[in-house]
Amino acid sequence: MNSYYGELCTKLYETDKSIAAGKELEFYLSFVDRTNSDFRVLEPMCGNGRMLIPFMQNGVHIEGFDISEDMLQACREKARRLNLQPLIHHQTIEEFDSPRPYDLIMIPFGSFSLLPNELVDRSLVNMRAALKPDGKLLLTIILKRDHIDEMLEWTETARQDVNDECIVTYKKVHYDAEQSLLVTQLKYQLVREGNVEKTEIMDFPLRLYDLAEFESILKQNGFQHVQMHDVKDGYGEGTRFQVFECSITSR
């Protein structure tokens, strides 16, 4: 069956993307005003709580939402083991509306690139509306690259033992250069004693951007001030990622 961040995908995600740490976490926490007890943070597309939970552990008032119930459940279970009660709910970013504005909204780890073109403007307008006048939006995107290796047939890419189970991952990859869309199909199979007991298939389209292209999109949707941050070693030594810092008013 087709799913989006279903049970098997979520189990694998938890094995290596469970909790944000290091320079990535330090970067996002640096935007929290610790002197303001009313400082409120929102994480759309929060998934399994890899960023939300360490924010809670640092005493930050944060809320989140996601479209995957399996990911949200993973977040709740992880939080419960840490004696935390996350404020999270099932919600799409393009339909989000909040009567209470936030000081900081963050969408880390390239999640915004999961949105198709037709939802980008509406989602950015919603984020702008949810910010306080002096609030900030932080988000990352997946950048275009010089070369992409396509996989036109199902190819086994990983086998992972998770809680006495084996999950086998297969992948297909196609790049639509005209739409700048990297489409990955992922097939997860739960195998016990050589028998496939469950299969999940997930379409994973990513919209790839140029930095200048996305900055223009942000400004077209009302973010007057856009600043770029380059975070070296953000996901570990030898890695880096770029973060857009966006605000409504120009400074």
C-alpha atoms as a PDB file:
ATOM      1  CA  MET A   1       0.000   0.000   0.000  1.00  0.00           C
ATOM      2  CA  ASN A   2       1.068   3.607  -0.543  1.00  0.00           C
ATOM      3  CA  SER A   3       1.803   5.601   2.599  1.00  0.00           C
ATOM      4  CA  TYR A   4       3.526   8.773   3.721  1.00  0.00           C
ATOM      5  CA  TYR A   5       6.047   8.286   6.500  1.00  0.00           C
ATOM      6  CA  GLY A   6       4.251   5.128   7.504  1.00  0.00           C
ATOM      7  CA  GLU A   7       5.132   2.629  10.225  1.00  0.00           C
ATOM      8  CA  LEU A   8       8.175   1.009   8.585  1.00  0.00           C
ATOM      9  CA  CYS A   9       9.589   4.286   7.284  1.00  0.00           C
ATOM     10  CA  THR A  10       9.192   5.831  10.738  1.00  0.00           C
ATOM     11  CA  LYS A  11      11.002   2.920  12.399  1.00  0.00           C
ATOM     12  CA  LEU A  12      13.969   3.382  10.054  1.00  0.00           C
ATOM     13  CA  TYR A  13      13.912   7.160  10.475  1.00  0.00           C
ATOM     14  CA  GLU A  14      14.199   6.684  14.239  1.00  0.00           C
ATOM     15  CA  THR A  15      17.385   4.612  13.895  1.00  0.00           C
ATOM     16  CA  ASP A  16      19.513   7.512  12.613  1.00  0.00           C
ATOM     17  CA  LYS A  17      17.384  10.682  12.760  1.00  0.00           C
ATOM     18  CA  SER A  18      15.902  10.448  16.231  1.00  0.00           C
ATOM     19  CA  ILE A  19      17.210  13.570  17.987  1.00  0.00           C
ATOM     20  CA  ALA A  20      18.935  16.688  16.643  1.00  0.00           C
ATOM     21  CA  ALA A  21      22.192  17.573  18.338  1.00  0.00           C
ATOM     22  CA  GLY A  22      25.495  19.375  17.883  1.00  0.00           C
ATOM     23  CA  LYS A  23      25.812  22.448  15.700  1.00  0.00           C
ATOM     24  CA  GLU A  24      22.417  21.997  14.062  1.00  0.00           C
ATOM     25  CA  LEU A  25      20.614  22.169  17.407  1.00  0.00           C
ATOM     26  CA  GLU A  26      22.875  24.960  18.668  1.00  0.00           C
ATOM     27  CA  PHE A  27      22.098  27.047  15.589  1.00  0.00           C
ATOM     28  CA  TYR A  28      18.314  26.881  15.980  1.00  0.00           C
ATOM     29  CA  LEU A  29      18.428  27.377  19.753  1.00  0.00           C
ATOM     30  CA  SER A  30      20.468  30.560  19.237  1.00  0.00           C
ATOM     31  CA  PHE A  31      17.313  32.271  17.939  1.00  0.00           C
ATOM     32  CA  VAL A  32      15.404  31.692  21.190  1.00  0.00           C
ATOM     33  CA  ASP A  33      15.161  34.681  23.505  1.00  0.00           C
ATOM     34  CA  ARG A  34      15.802  33.096  26.903  1.00  0.00           C
ATOM     35  CA  THR A  35      14.954  36.372  28.681  1.00  0.00           C
ATOM     36  CA  ASN A  36      11.371  36.273  27.374  1.00  0.00           C
ATOM     37  CA  SER A  37       9.251  33.788  29.339  1.00  0.00           C
ATOM     38  CA  ASP A  38       6.442  34.171  26.773  1.00  0.00           C
ATOM     39  CA  PHE A  39       8.650  33.276  23.798  1.00  0.00           C
ATOM     40  CA  ARG A  40       6.703  30.840  21.606  1.00  0.00           C
ATOM     41  CA  VAL A  41       8.092  28.539  18.903  1.00  0.00           C
ATOM     42  CA  LEU A  42       6.266  26.582  16.200  1.00  0.00           C
ATOM     43  CA  GLU A  43       7.705  23.703  14.193  1.00  0.00           C
ATOM     44  CA  PRO A  44       5.551  22.799  11.190  1.00  0.00           C
ATOM     45  CA  MET A  45       6.340  19.395   9.652  1.00  0.00           C
ATOM     46  CA  CYS A  46       7.865  18.375  12.985  1.00  0.00           C
ATOM     47  CA  GLY A  47       7.860  14.657  12.189  1.00  0.00           C
ATOM     48  CA  ASN A  48       9.246  12.435  14.937  1.00  0.00           C
ATOM     49  CA  GLY A  49      10.242  15.390  17.098  1.00  0.00           C
ATOM     50  CA  ARG A  50      13.966  15.264  16.331  1.00  0.00           C
ATOM     51  CA  MET A  51      14.143  19.046  16.843  1.00  0.00           C
ATOM     52  CA  LEU A  52      11.025  19.618  18.933  1.00  0.00           C
ATOM     53  CA  ILE A  53      12.023  17.301  21.773  1.00  0.00           C
ATOM     54  CA  PRO A  54      15.500  18.764  22.392  1.00  0.00           C
ATOM     55  CA  PHE A  55      13.880  22.232  22.360  1.00  0.00           C
ATOM     56  CA  MET A  56      11.565  21.021  25.119  1.00  0.00           C
ATOM     57  CA  GLN A  57      14.541  19.601  27.014  1.00  0.00           C
ATOM     58  CA  ASN A  58      16.064  23.085  26.850  1.00  0.00           C
ATOM     59  CA  GLY A  59      12.972  24.611  28.459  1.00  0.00           C
ATOM     60  CA  VAL A  60      11.571  26.208  25.284  1.00  0.00           C
ATOM     61  CA  HIS A  61       7.798  26.532  24.799  1.00  0.00           C
ATOM     62  CA  ILE A  62       7.325  24.828  21.431  1.00  0.00           C
ATOM     63  CA  GLU A  63       4.407  23.385  19.479  1.00  0.00           C
ATOM     64  CA  GLY A  64       4.433  21.299  16.319  1.00  0.00           C
ATOM     65  CA  PHE A  65       2.332  19.606  13.694  1.00  0.00           C
ATOM     66  CA  ASP A  66       2.778  17.051  10.916  1.00  0.00           C
ATOM     67  CA  ILE A  67       0.697  15.103   8.397  1.00  0.00           C
ATOM     68  CA  SER A  68       2.085  11.696   9.411  1.00  0.00           C
ATOM     69  CA  GLU A  69       0.299  10.082  12.349  1.00  0.00           C
ATOM     70  CA  ASP A  70       3.063   7.463  12.590  1.00  0.00           C
ATOM     71  CA  MET A  71       5.705  10.168  12.968  1.00  0.00           C
ATOM     72  CA  LEU A  72       3.634  12.020  15.564  1.00  0.00           C
ATOM     73  CA  GLN A  73       3.167   8.801  17.512  1.00  0.00           C
ATOM     74  CA  ALA A  74       6.931   8.213  17.468  1.00  0.00           C
ATOM     75  CA  CYS A  75       7.339  11.727  18.857  1.00  0.00           C
ATOM     76  CA  ARG A  76       4.819  11.085  21.647  1.00  0.00           C
ATOM     77  CA  GLU A  77       6.419   7.774  22.630  1.00  0.00           C
ATOM     78  CA  LYS A  78       9.901   9.254  22.667  1.00  0.00           C
ATOM     79  CA  ALA A  79       8.712  12.214  24.717  1.00  0.00           C
ATOM     80  CA  ARG A  80       6.923   9.954  27.190  1.00  0.00           C
ATOM     81  CA  ARG A  81      10.159   8.073  27.877  1.00  0.00           C
ATOM     82  CA  LEU A  82      11.689  11.451  28.757  1.00  0.00           C
ATOM     83  CA  ASN A  83       8.709  12.508  30.923  1.00  0.00           C
ATOM     84  CA  LEU A  84       7.741  15.210  28.402  1.00  0.00           C
ATOM     85  CA  GLN A  85       4.311  16.084  27.029  1.00  0.00           C
ATOM     86  CA  PRO A  86       4.654  17.575  23.539  1.00  0.00           C
ATOM     87  CA  LEU A  87       2.047  19.949  22.112  1.00  0.00           C
ATOM     88  CA  ILE A  88       1.691  18.361  18.687  1.00  0.00           C
ATOM     89  CA  HIS A  89      -1.195  17.653  16.358  1.00  0.00           C
ATOM     90  CA  HIS A  90      -2.105  16.366  12.917  1.00  0.00           C
ATOM     91  CA  GLN A  91      -2.200  19.252  10.455  1.00  0.00           C
ATOM     92  CA  THR A  92      -1.125  20.306   6.959  1.00  0.00           C
ATOM     93  CA  ILE A  93       0.988  23.421   6.551  1.00  0.00           C
ATOM     94  CA  GLU A  94      -1.106  24.730   3.667  1.00  0.00           C
ATOM     95  CA  GLU A  95      -4.237  24.737   5.881  1.00  0.00           C
ATOM     96  CA  PHE A  96      -2.613  25.899   9.097  1.00  0.00           C
ATOM     97  CA  ASP A  97      -4.175  28.784  10.964  1.00  0.00           C
ATOM     98  CA  SER A  98      -3.456  29.967  14.490  1.00  0.00           C
ATOM     99  CA  PRO A  99      -5.137  32.728  16.517  1.00  0.00           C
ATOM    100  CA  ARG A 100      -1.922  33.116  18.556  1.00  0.00           C
ATOM    101  CA  PRO A 101       1.213  34.400  16.808  1.00  0.00           C
ATOM    102  CA  TYR A 102       4.681  32.955  17.314  1.00  0.00           C
ATOM    103  CA  ASP A 103       8.078  34.526  17.912  1.00  0.00           C
ATOM    104  CA  LEU A 104       9.891  31.848  15.920  1.00  0.00           C
ATOM    105  CA  ILE A 105       8.781  29.356  13.283  1.00  0.00           C
ATOM    106  CA  MET A 106      11.298  26.813  12.048  1.00  0.00           C
ATOM    107  CA  ILE A 107      11.237  24.166   9.323  1.00  0.00           C
ATOM    108  CA  PRO A 108      14.615  22.416   9.487  1.00  0.00           C
ATOM    109  CA  PHE A 109      16.177  19.484   7.629  1.00  0.00           C
ATOM    110  CA  GLY A 110      14.922  20.441   4.156  1.00  0.00           C
ATOM    111  CA  SER A 111      11.319  19.468   4.905  1.00  0.00           C
ATOM    112  CA  PHE A 112       9.912  22.468   3.016  1.00  0.00           C
ATOM    113  CA  SER A 113      11.156  20.920  -0.248  1.00  0.00           C
ATOM    114  CA  LEU A 114       8.518  18.195   0.197  1.00  0.00           C
ATOM    115  CA  LEU A 115       5.834  20.717  -0.756  1.00  0.00           C
ATOM    116  CA  PRO A 116       4.707  20.751  -4.401  1.00  0.00           C
ATOM    117  CA  ASN A 117       4.803  24.076  -6.247  1.00  0.00           C
ATOM    118  CA  GLU A 118       1.062  24.635  -5.904  1.00  0.00           C
ATOM    119  CA  LEU A 119       1.290  24.624  -2.086  1.00  0.00           C
ATOM    120  CA  VAL A 120       4.422  26.722  -1.629  1.00  0.00           C
ATOM    121  CA  ASP A 121       2.890  30.204  -1.781  1.00  0.00           C
ATOM    122  CA  ARG A 122      -0.112  29.303   0.365  1.00  0.00           C
ATOM    123  CA  SER A 123       2.130  27.707   2.991  1.00  0.00           C
ATOM    124  CA  LEU A 124       4.465  30.710   3.150  1.00  0.00           C
ATOM    125  CA  VAL A 125       1.504  33.066   3.492  1.00  0.00           C
ATOM    126  CA  ASN A 126       0.254  30.953   6.412  1.00  0.00           C
ATOM    127  CA  MET A 127       3.663  31.083   8.077  1.00  0.00           C
ATOM    128  CA  ARG A 128       3.854  34.847   7.634  1.00  0.00           C
ATOM    129  CA  ALA A 129       0.379  35.238   9.152  1.00  0.00           C
ATOM    130  CA  ALA A 130       1.403  33.117  12.151  1.00  0.00           C
ATOM    131  CA  LEU A 131       4.417  35.283  13.011  1.00  0.00           C
ATOM    132  CA  LYS A 132       4.507  38.182  15.428  1.00  0.00           C
ATOM    133  CA  PRO A 133       5.474  41.469  13.710  1.00  0.00           C
ATOM    134  CA  ASP A 134       9.070  41.043  14.881  1.00  0.00           C
ATOM    135  CA  GLY A 135       9.049  37.241  14.576  1.00  0.00           C
ATOM    136  CA  LYS A 136      11.342  35.123  12.435  1.00  0.00           C
ATOM    137  CA  LEU A 137      10.930  32.166  10.110  1.00  0.00           C
ATOM    138  CA  LEU A 138      13.871  29.786   9.732  1.00  0.00           C
ATOM    139  CA  LEU A 139      13.772  27.178   7.015  1.00  0.00           C
ATOM    140  CA  THR A 140      15.999  25.005   4.880  1.00  0.00           C
ATOM    141  CA  ILE A 141      15.476  23.652   1.382  1.00  0.00           C
ATOM    142  CA  ILE A 142      17.086  20.986  -0.774  1.00  0.00           C
ATOM    143  CA  LEU A 143      19.399  22.603  -3.317  1.00  0.00           C
ATOM    144  CA  LYS A 144      19.865  21.763  -6.962  1.00  0.00           C
ATOM    145  CA  ARG A 145      22.970  19.760  -7.725  1.00  0.00           C
ATOM    146  CA  ASP A 146      25.185  19.270 -10.758  1.00  0.00           C
ATOM    147  CA  HIS A 147      24.490  15.559 -11.197  1.00  0.00           C
ATOM    148  CA  ILE A 148      21.813  13.148 -10.016  1.00  0.00           C
ATOM    149  CA  ASP A 149      22.116   9.375 -10.339  1.00  0.00           C
ATOM    150  CA  GLU A 150      18.789   7.943 -11.415  1.00  0.00           C
ATOM    151  CA  MET A 151      17.557   4.449 -10.562  1.00  0.00           C
ATOM    152  CA  LEU A 152      14.873   3.391 -13.020  1.00  0.00           C
ATOM    153  CA  GLU A 153      14.308  -0.073 -11.529  1.00  0.00           C
ATOM    154  CA  TRP A 154      13.742  -1.151  -7.937  1.00  0.00           C
ATOM    155  CA  THR A 155      17.168  -1.379  -6.320  1.00  0.00           C
ATOM    156  CA  GLU A 156      17.860  -2.678  -2.829  1.00  0.00           C
ATOM    157  CA  THR A 157      19.704   0.049  -0.923  1.00  0.00           C
ATOM    158  CA  ALA A 158      19.664  -1.043   2.730  1.00  0.00           C
ATOM    159  CA  ARG A 159      18.875  -3.776   5.252  1.00  0.00           C
ATOM    160  CA  GLN A 160      18.357  -2.705   8.833  1.00  0.00           C
ATOM    161  CA  ASP A 161      17.620  -4.771  11.928  1.00  0.00           C
ATOM    162  CA  VAL A 162      15.123  -2.908  14.110  1.00  0.00           C
ATOM    163  CA  ASN A 163      13.788  -4.480  17.316  1.00  0.00           C
ATOM    164  CA  ASP A 164      14.388  -8.067  16.145  1.00  0.00           C
ATOM    165  CA  GLU A 165      12.910  -7.274  12.736  1.00  0.00           C
ATOM    166  CA  CYS A 166      14.612  -6.787   9.387  1.00  0.00           C
ATOM    167  CA  ILE A 167      13.439  -3.903   7.206  1.00  0.00           C
ATOM    168  CA  VAL A 168      14.667  -3.970   3.613  1.00  0.00           C
ATOM    169  CA  THR A 169      14.633  -0.740   1.611  1.00  0.00           C
ATOM    170  CA  TYR A 170      14.306  -0.554  -2.173  1.00  0.00           C
ATOM    171  CA  LYS A 171      14.489   2.630  -4.203  1.00  0.00           C
ATOM    172  CA  LYS A 172      13.640   4.146  -7.591  1.00  0.00           C
ATOM    173  CA  VAL A 173      14.900   7.630  -8.490  1.00  0.00           C
ATOM    174  CA  HIS A 174      13.887   9.936 -11.340  1.00  0.00           C
ATOM    175  CA  TYR A 175      14.764  13.593 -11.864  1.00  0.00           C
ATOM    176  CA  ASP A 176      12.407  15.881 -13.779  1.00  0.00           C
ATOM    177  CA  ALA A 177      14.757  18.689 -14.791  1.00  0.00           C
ATOM    178  CA  GLU A 178      11.959  20.823 -16.248  1.00  0.00           C
ATOM    179  CA  GLN A 179      10.145  20.974 -12.899  1.00  0.00           C
ATOM    180  CA  SER A 180      13.314  20.674 -10.764  1.00  0.00           C
ATOM    181  CA  LEU A 181      11.625  17.712  -9.103  1.00  0.00           C
ATOM    182  CA  LEU A 182      13.576  14.788  -7.669  1.00  0.00           C
ATOM    183  CA  VAL A 183      11.091  11.920  -7.367  1.00  0.00           C
ATOM    184  CA  THR A 184      12.142   8.988  -5.212  1.00  0.00           C
ATOM    185  CA  GLN A 185       9.943   5.952  -4.733  1.00  0.00           C
ATOM    186  CA  LEU A 186      10.761   4.016  -1.589  1.00  0.00           C
ATOM    187  CA  LYS A 187       9.615   0.488  -0.849  1.00  0.00           C
ATOM    188  CA  TYR A 188       9.990  -0.883   2.673  1.00  0.00           C
ATOM    189  CA  GLN A 189       9.541  -4.576   3.379  1.00  0.00           C
ATOM    190  CA  LEU A 190       9.326  -6.123   6.832  1.00  0.00           C
ATOM    191  CA  VAL A 191      10.993  -9.535   6.650  1.00  0.00           C
ATOM    192  CA  ARG A 192      10.776 -12.257   9.280  1.00  0.00           C
ATOM    193  CA  GLU A 193      12.421 -15.662   8.776  1.00  0.00           C
ATOM    194  CA  GLY A 194      12.737 -14.988   5.058  1.00  0.00           C
ATOM    195  CA  ASN A 195       9.078 -14.057   4.591  1.00  0.00           C
ATOM    196  CA  VAL A 196       7.814 -10.588   3.630  1.00  0.00           C
ATOM    197  CA  GLU A 197       5.137  -9.770   6.205  1.00  0.00           C
ATOM    198  CA  LYS A 198       4.449  -6.145   5.329  1.00  0.00           C
ATOM    199  CA  THR A 199       5.198  -3.752   2.467  1.00  0.00           C
ATOM    200  CA  GLU A 200       4.977   0.041   2.377  1.00  0.00           C
ATOM    201  CA  ILE A 201       5.521   2.125  -0.751  1.00  0.00           C
ATOM    202  CA  MET A 202       6.141   5.837  -0.405  1.00  0.00           C
ATOM    203  CA  ASP A 203       6.445   8.520  -3.065  1.00  0.00           C
ATOM    204  CA  PHE A 204       9.020  11.060  -1.920  1.00  0.00           C
ATOM    205  CA  PRO A 205       9.080  14.053  -4.321  1.00  0.00           C
ATOM    206  CA  LEU A 206      11.535  16.831  -3.508  1.00  0.00           C
ATOM    207  CA  ARG A 207      11.430  20.257  -5.127  1.00  0.00           C
ATOM    208  CA  LEU A 208      15.020  21.394  -5.652  1.00  0.00           C
ATOM    209  CA  TYR A 209      15.870  25.104  -5.642  1.00  0.00           C
ATOM    210  CA  ASP A 210      18.610  27.581  -6.398  1.00  0.00           C
ATOM    211  CA  LEU A 211      19.302  29.851  -3.443  1.00  0.00           C
ATOM    212  CA  ALA A 212      18.488  33.017  -5.406  1.00  0.00           C
ATOM    213  CA  GLU A 213      15.302  31.439  -6.765  1.00  0.00           C
ATOM    214  CA  PHE A 214      13.986  30.617  -3.312  1.00  0.00           C
ATOM    215  CA  GLU A 215      14.944  33.997  -1.878  1.00  0.00           C
ATOM    216  CA  SER A 216      12.808  35.565  -4.610  1.00  0.00           C
ATOM    217  CA  ILE A 217       9.871  33.299  -3.679  1.00  0.00           C
ATOM    218  CA  LEU A 218      10.171  34.355  -0.032  1.00  0.00           C
ATOM    219  CA  LYS A 219      10.125  38.040  -0.900  1.00  0.00           C
ATOM    220  CA  GLN A 220       7.171  37.596  -3.252  1.00  0.00           C
ATOM    221  CA  ASN A 221       5.249  36.160  -0.296  1.00  0.00           C
ATOM    222  CA  GLY A 222       5.836  39.100   2.011  1.00  0.00           C
ATOM    223  CA  PHE A 223       9.121  38.360   3.752  1.00  0.00           C
ATOM    224  CA  GLN A 224      10.875  41.691   3.319  1.00  0.00           C
ATOM    225  CA  HIS A 225      14.079  40.777   5.117  1.00  0.00           C
ATOM    226  CA  VAL A 226      15.867  37.561   4.080  1.00  0.00           C
ATOM    227  CA  GLN A 227      19.277  36.566   5.386  1.00  0.00           C
ATOM    228  CA  MET A 228      21.233  33.436   4.523  1.00  0.00           C
ATOM    229  CA  HIS A 229      23.204  31.416   7.086  1.00  0.00           C
ATOM    230  CA  ASP A 230      25.738  28.751   6.142  1.00  0.00           C
ATOM    231  CA  VAL A 231      26.043  26.199   8.950  1.00  0.00           C
ATOM    232  CA  LYS A 232      29.325  24.330   8.694  1.00  0.00           C
ATOM    233  CA  ASP A 233      29.443  20.790  10.141  1.00  0.00           C
ATOM    234  CA  GLY A 234      25.731  21.204  10.893  1.00  0.00           C
ATOM    235  CA  TYR A 235      24.795  17.547  10.364  1.00  0.00           C
ATOM    236  CA  GLY A 236      28.203  16.275  11.457  1.00  0.00           C
ATOM    237  CA  GLU A 237      31.827  16.820  10.527  1.00  0.00           C
ATOM    238  CA  GLY A 238      32.312  17.627   6.853  1.00  0.00           C
ATOM    239  CA  THR A 239      28.654  18.556   6.224  1.00  0.00           C
ATOM    240  CA  ARG A 240      26.995  21.924   5.817  1.00  0.00           C
ATOM    241  CA  PHE A 241      23.556  23.354   5.167  1.00  0.00           C
ATOM    242  CA  GLN A 242      22.020  26.733   4.425  1.00  0.00           C
ATOM    243  CA  VAL A 243      19.215  28.326   6.427  1.00  0.00           C
ATOM    244  CA  PHE A 244      16.998  31.193   5.354  1.00  0.00           C
ATOM    245  CA  GLU A 245      16.253  33.651   8.180  1.00  0.00           C
ATOM    246  CA  CYS A 246      13.107  35.543   7.174  1.00  0.00           C
ATOM    247  CA  SER A 247      11.136  38.341   8.796  1.00  0.00           C
ATOM    248  CA  ILE A 248       8.161  40.437   7.788  1.00  0.00           C
ATOM    249  CA  THR A 249       9.685  43.837   8.394  1.00  0.00           C
ATOM    250  CA  SER A 250      12.947  45.027   6.904  1.00  0.00           C
ATOM    251  CA  ARG A 251      15.759  45.779   9.329  1.00  0.00           C
END
